[in-house]
Amino acid sequence: MPSNQNYNFTDKELKFSYWYVTNKLLLKRILAIFLALVGFFLWLYLIWQLVFFGLYFSQESYQLKKLVFGDNLALSVIGQLQPTSLQVSDPVSLAGEGSRNDYFAEISNNNSNWLATFDYIFDGVSKSANSRKGFSLPLEKKYLMNLGVEGSISQLNISNVKWQRIDNPQTIYQERYKFKIENSNFTPGSNAGDPGILGFDITNESAFNYWQVGVAVFLYSGGNIASVNYIALEQLKAGEKRHVQLNFSNKLPKISNIEILPEINVFDEDNIMPQTAPVDFPITP
């Protein structure tokens, strides 16, 4: 049975009901926009957190690499963690004095921050021949020599290679490798059998005293190396100018050019002589 109930609404409730019915669609739209904005800001916050995490992780990784590798972060590239091997050419033979020959071979260090020290020997020399100590500076191309050898040589054998990483090698090189070569002159022998004589002056223009400085000499004829020689200068001090004379006893063609190359391991602290201290004379009462 239907119930007879009377619902009494106040004016305020009736007005609210009328307003709600009238604005129902508008309210739904406002709610939808609100929820959309909430969702948008939630996604924006999530994306920001991901970006922040990525930046933070990158910075943390940077700091870790800097702690491990120092300021030069290029070391973090695996391919640059290890130096590449020295490149060695086949030996070249030049007729020396009598039945002896002079041999030299080119080596190249293609690493920009690695110093190589090693032992080397020209294979084919008598068994009594001893290996020698050598070095190659970063990005250096040079010749190793064995002069006045009896018999033939097949190859240059390099062993016991040790690598040392050098920071800012160019700065150290430019500071310590300052040699001036001048007044070079080659005088061929006037008579058959007389040696040719090469004279030149070398000046140590650096601020360092060196126990030993090697000098490699190349005589050219028509663009080709006609003869080689080598001398080790002992105790070449800062500012010192020294005259050097070398004899070439082998028969030579007309010499068109001379190349004189000082050789020194500028990163070897043991080859630097201590500065001379002033002498304190005792005071006699």
Protein backbone atom coordinates (compact mmCIF):
# COMPACT_ATOMS: atom_id res chain seq x y z
CA MET A 1 0.00 0.00 0.00
CA PRO A 2 1.40 3.35 -0.91
CA SER A 3 2.38 5.41 2.00
CA ASN A 4 1.26 8.93 2.29
CA GLN A 5 4.24 10.93 3.51
CA ASN A 6 4.62 14.65 3.34
CA TYR A 7 8.06 16.05 2.64
CA ASN A 8 8.51 19.56 3.87
CA PHE A 9 11.47 21.40 2.25
CA THR A 10 12.72 24.72 3.34
CA ASP A 11 13.17 27.56 0.92
CA LYS A 12 16.92 27.21 1.16
CA GLU A 13 16.82 23.52 0.28
CA LEU A 14 14.47 24.15 -2.61
CA LYS A 15 16.72 26.88 -3.94
CA PHE A 16 19.79 24.61 -3.65
CA SER A 17 17.96 21.79 -5.42
CA TYR A 18 16.93 24.10 -8.20
CA TRP A 19 20.45 25.49 -8.49
CA TYR A 20 21.96 21.97 -8.54
CA VAL A 21 19.60 20.74 -11.25
CA THR A 22 20.20 23.86 -13.29
CA ASN A 23 24.04 23.68 -12.99
CA LYS A 24 24.47 19.90 -12.93
CA LEU A 25 26.23 19.75 -16.30
CA LEU A 26 28.45 22.70 -15.44
CA LEU A 27 29.45 21.04 -12.16
CA LYS A 28 30.35 17.83 -14.00
CA ARG A 29 32.52 19.80 -16.38
CA ILE A 30 34.22 21.61 -13.52
CA LEU A 31 34.85 18.29 -11.76
CA ALA A 32 36.24 16.76 -14.94
CA ILE A 33 38.55 19.76 -15.45
CA PHE A 34 39.67 19.59 -11.82
CA LEU A 35 40.47 15.87 -12.07
CA ALA A 36 42.28 16.47 -15.35
CA LEU A 37 44.36 19.22 -13.75
CA VAL A 38 45.15 16.98 -10.78
CA GLY A 39 46.24 14.21 -13.14
CA PHE A 40 48.29 16.65 -15.22
CA PHE A 41 50.15 17.99 -12.20
CA LEU A 42 50.73 14.46 -10.89
CA TRP A 43 52.30 13.48 -14.23
CA LEU A 44 54.29 16.72 -14.30
CA TYR A 45 55.60 16.00 -10.81
CA LEU A 46 56.51 12.44 -11.79
CA ILE A 47 58.35 13.60 -14.92
CA TRP A 48 60.19 16.26 -12.91
CA GLN A 49 61.29 13.66 -10.38
CA LEU A 50 62.60 11.46 -13.17
CA VAL A 51 64.51 14.37 -14.73
CA PHE A 52 65.90 15.39 -11.34
CA PHE A 53 66.97 11.81 -10.66
CA GLY A 54 68.68 11.65 -14.04
CA LEU A 55 70.55 14.91 -13.44
CA TYR A 56 71.52 13.89 -9.94
CA PHE A 57 72.72 10.49 -11.12
CA SER A 58 74.73 12.12 -13.90
CA GLN A 59 76.32 14.56 -11.45
CA GLU A 60 77.05 11.77 -8.99
CA SER A 61 78.63 9.73 -11.78
CA TYR A 62 80.67 12.77 -12.80
CA GLN A 63 81.96 13.24 -9.28
CA LEU A 64 82.83 9.56 -9.02
CA LYS A 65 84.75 9.65 -12.31
CA LYS A 66 86.53 12.81 -11.23
CA LEU A 67 87.50 11.19 -7.94
CA VAL A 68 88.87 8.12 -9.72
CA PHE A 69 90.39 9.64 -12.84
CA GLY A 70 91.17 13.21 -11.82
CA ASP A 71 90.30 16.25 -13.87
CA ASN A 72 90.92 14.47 -17.17
CA LEU A 73 87.62 12.62 -17.54
CA ALA A 74 88.69 11.33 -20.94
CA LEU A 75 90.34 8.53 -19.00
CA SER A 76 86.91 7.16 -18.26
CA VAL A 77 86.69 6.03 -21.86
CA ILE A 78 87.77 2.42 -21.80
CA GLY A 79 89.57 2.72 -25.09
CA GLN A 80 91.90 5.33 -23.60
CA LEU A 81 92.67 3.53 -20.35
CA GLN A 82 95.46 1.55 -21.97
CA PRO A 83 98.22 2.87 -24.26
CA THR A 84 98.59 1.55 -27.78
CA SER A 85 101.70 -0.42 -28.65
CA LEU A 86 104.83 1.17 -30.06
CA GLN A 87 105.15 1.05 -33.83
CA VAL A 88 108.51 -0.32 -35.00
CA SER A 89 109.93 -0.24 -38.52
CA ASP A 90 112.41 -2.62 -40.12
CA PRO A 91 116.06 -1.71 -39.63
CA VAL A 92 117.88 0.26 -42.32
CA SER A 93 121.51 -0.54 -43.06
CA LEU A 94 124.19 1.96 -44.06
CA ALA A 95 127.75 1.09 -45.01
CA GLY A 96 130.08 2.00 -42.20
CA GLU A 97 133.83 1.91 -41.79
CA GLY A 98 135.51 -1.16 -43.27
CA SER A 99 133.28 -4.22 -43.03
CA ARG A 100 131.06 -2.72 -40.37
CA ASN A 101 127.58 -1.34 -40.91
CA ASP A 102 125.41 1.23 -39.16
CA TYR A 103 121.80 0.27 -38.43
CA PHE A 104 118.85 2.37 -37.41
CA ALA A 105 115.10 1.77 -37.11
CA GLU A 106 112.19 4.10 -36.49
CA ILE A 107 109.81 3.78 -33.54
CA SER A 108 106.60 5.75 -33.01
CA ASN A 109 104.71 6.38 -29.80
CA ASN A 110 101.18 7.35 -30.86
CA ASN A 111 99.95 7.96 -27.30
CA SER A 112 99.45 11.56 -26.25
CA ASN A 113 99.83 11.02 -22.49
CA TRP A 114 102.04 7.94 -22.13
CA LEU A 115 105.81 7.69 -21.78
CA ALA A 116 107.38 4.38 -22.81
CA THR A 117 110.64 3.03 -21.40
CA PHE A 118 112.03 -0.27 -22.66
CA ASP A 119 114.99 -2.48 -23.49
CA TYR A 120 115.99 -2.95 -27.11
CA ILE A 121 118.43 -4.96 -29.17
CA PHE A 122 119.02 -5.35 -32.88
CA ASP A 123 118.63 -9.05 -33.63
CA GLY A 124 121.47 -10.52 -35.59
CA VAL A 125 124.25 -9.00 -33.51
CA SER A 126 126.65 -11.45 -31.89
CA LYS A 127 125.39 -13.19 -28.76
CA SER A 128 127.72 -11.11 -26.63
CA ALA A 129 125.79 -7.95 -27.52
CA ASN A 130 123.83 -6.52 -24.63
CA SER A 131 120.39 -4.93 -24.78
CA ARG A 132 120.18 -1.20 -24.29
CA LYS A 133 117.79 1.09 -22.45
CA GLY A 134 115.53 3.31 -24.50
CA PHE A 135 112.55 5.62 -24.17
CA SER A 136 109.89 7.21 -26.33
CA LEU A 137 108.11 10.41 -25.31
CA PRO A 138 104.37 10.93 -25.88
CA LEU A 139 103.66 11.35 -29.62
CA GLU A 140 107.37 11.03 -30.38
CA LYS A 141 108.78 9.55 -33.56
CA LYS A 142 112.49 8.79 -33.36
CA TYR A 143 115.27 6.46 -34.49
CA LEU A 144 117.13 3.86 -32.45
CA MET A 145 120.66 3.09 -33.63
CA ASN A 146 123.33 0.43 -33.49
CA LEU A 147 126.54 1.66 -35.06
CA GLY A 148 129.63 -0.15 -36.29
CA VAL A 149 128.09 -3.64 -36.38
CA GLU A 150 129.79 -6.63 -37.96
CA GLY A 151 127.40 -8.90 -39.82
CA SER A 152 123.74 -8.44 -40.66
CA ILE A 153 120.71 -7.45 -38.60
CA SER A 154 117.20 -8.75 -39.24
CA GLN A 155 114.98 -6.72 -36.91
CA LEU A 156 114.74 -4.42 -33.91
CA ASN A 157 113.50 -6.27 -30.85
CA ILE A 158 111.88 -4.23 -28.06
CA SER A 159 111.13 -5.85 -24.69
CA ASN A 160 110.23 -5.01 -21.09
CA VAL A 161 108.10 -2.04 -22.15
CA LYS A 162 106.91 0.01 -19.20
CA TRP A 163 104.28 2.71 -19.56
CA GLN A 164 103.99 5.82 -17.40
CA ARG A 165 101.01 8.14 -17.69
CA ILE A 166 102.03 11.81 -17.86
CA ASP A 167 99.67 14.67 -17.01
CA ASN A 168 100.16 17.79 -19.15
CA PRO A 169 103.17 16.36 -21.03
CA GLN A 170 103.37 19.31 -23.45
CA THR A 171 103.79 21.80 -20.61
CA ILE A 172 106.65 19.82 -19.09
CA TYR A 173 108.23 19.21 -22.50
CA GLN A 174 108.20 22.87 -23.49
CA GLU A 175 109.68 23.81 -20.13
CA ARG A 176 112.52 21.28 -20.15
CA TYR A 177 113.32 20.64 -23.82
CA LYS A 178 115.05 23.86 -24.78
CA PHE A 179 118.15 23.21 -26.84
CA LYS A 180 119.61 25.50 -29.48
CA ILE A 181 121.72 24.07 -32.30
CA GLU A 182 123.84 26.51 -34.30
CA ASN A 183 127.01 26.83 -36.36
CA SER A 184 126.64 23.33 -37.80
CA ASN A 185 129.14 22.60 -40.55
CA PHE A 186 130.26 19.40 -42.26
CA THR A 187 133.74 19.25 -43.76
CA PRO A 188 134.43 16.22 -45.96
CA GLY A 189 137.84 14.56 -45.81
CA SER A 190 140.31 16.27 -48.13
CA ASN A 191 142.10 13.02 -49.00
CA ALA A 192 140.99 9.42 -49.45
CA GLY A 193 140.65 7.79 -46.03
CA ASP A 194 140.39 11.07 -44.17
CA PRO A 195 137.26 11.30 -42.00
CA GLY A 196 134.58 13.86 -42.58
CA ILE A 197 134.14 16.22 -39.66
CA LEU A 198 130.87 17.64 -38.37
CA GLY A 199 131.05 20.49 -35.91
CA PHE A 200 128.20 22.29 -34.16
CA ASP A 201 127.34 24.20 -31.02
CA ILE A 202 124.58 23.13 -28.64
CA THR A 203 123.16 25.34 -25.89
CA ASN A 204 120.98 24.20 -23.02
CA GLU A 205 118.50 27.07 -22.82
CA SER A 206 116.34 25.44 -20.15
CA ALA A 207 116.57 26.12 -16.42
CA PHE A 208 117.63 22.53 -15.73
CA ASN A 209 121.02 20.85 -15.42
CA TYR A 210 121.12 17.43 -17.08
CA TRP A 211 123.42 14.55 -16.24
CA GLN A 212 123.29 13.35 -19.83
CA VAL A 213 121.85 14.54 -23.13
CA GLY A 214 122.00 12.36 -26.21
CA VAL A 215 122.39 13.83 -29.68
CA ALA A 216 121.43 11.95 -32.85
CA VAL A 217 122.96 13.19 -36.10
CA PHE A 218 121.73 12.52 -39.64
CA LEU A 219 123.58 13.47 -42.81
CA TYR A 220 121.42 13.67 -45.94
CA SER A 221 122.32 13.43 -49.59
CA GLY A 222 119.62 14.28 -52.10
CA GLY A 223 116.84 13.79 -49.50
CA ASN A 224 118.09 10.36 -48.35
CA ILE A 225 119.93 9.55 -45.13
CA ALA A 226 123.56 8.95 -46.06
CA SER A 227 125.03 8.48 -42.58
CA VAL A 228 124.05 8.50 -38.92
CA ASN A 229 125.92 9.10 -35.69
CA TYR A 230 125.21 9.50 -32.01
CA ILE A 231 126.93 11.09 -29.05
CA ALA A 232 126.05 11.36 -25.36
CA LEU A 233 126.94 14.68 -23.73
CA GLU A 234 127.69 14.47 -20.02
CA GLN A 235 126.58 17.10 -17.51
CA LEU A 236 125.09 19.72 -19.80
CA LYS A 237 124.15 22.52 -17.42
CA ALA A 238 121.52 25.24 -17.74
CA GLY A 239 122.73 28.04 -19.99
CA GLU A 240 125.84 26.11 -21.05
CA LYS A 241 127.02 26.30 -24.65
CA ARG A 242 129.21 23.45 -25.81
CA HIS A 243 131.03 22.81 -29.07
CA VAL A 244 130.71 19.24 -30.37
CA GLN A 245 132.76 17.55 -33.08
CA LEU A 246 132.00 14.19 -34.69
CA ASN A 247 134.05 12.19 -37.17
CA PHE A 248 132.54 10.20 -40.05
CA SER A 249 135.03 7.63 -41.29
CA ASN A 250 132.82 5.96 -43.90
CA LYS A 251 132.87 7.07 -47.52
CA LEU A 252 130.11 9.60 -48.08
CA PRO A 253 128.46 11.22 -51.08
CA LYS A 254 127.98 14.98 -51.27
CA ILE A 255 126.08 16.06 -48.17
CA SER A 256 123.12 18.36 -48.85
CA ASN A 257 121.53 18.65 -45.42
CA ILE A 258 122.29 18.06 -41.74
CA GLU A 259 119.81 17.16 -38.99
CA ILE A 260 120.88 17.33 -35.36
CA LEU A 261 118.35 16.13 -32.77
CA PRO A 262 118.95 16.30 -29.01
CA GLU A 263 117.36 13.31 -27.26
CA ILE A 264 116.42 13.40 -23.60
CA ASN A 265 113.74 11.91 -21.41
CA VAL A 266 112.46 15.17 -19.96
CA PHE A 267 110.21 13.22 -17.55
CA ASP A 268 113.13 11.41 -15.91
CA GLU A 269 113.74 13.25 -12.67
CA ASP A 270 116.89 11.19 -12.02
CA ASN A 271 118.55 12.78 -15.06
CA ILE A 272 118.19 16.27 -13.60
CA MET A 273 121.22 17.45 -11.67
CA PRO A 274 120.58 19.32 -8.42
CA GLN A 275 121.22 23.02 -8.52
CA THR A 276 124.70 23.91 -7.32
CA ALA A 277 124.49 25.29 -3.81
CA PRO A 278 126.71 28.23 -2.83
CA VAL A 279 129.81 27.31 -0.81
CA ASP A 280 129.86 28.54 2.78
CA PHE A 281 133.41 29.31 3.79
CA PRO A 282 134.14 29.00 7.53
CA ILE A 283 134.84 32.26 9.29
CA THR A 284 138.25 32.23 11.01
CA PRO A 285 138.26 34.17 14.26
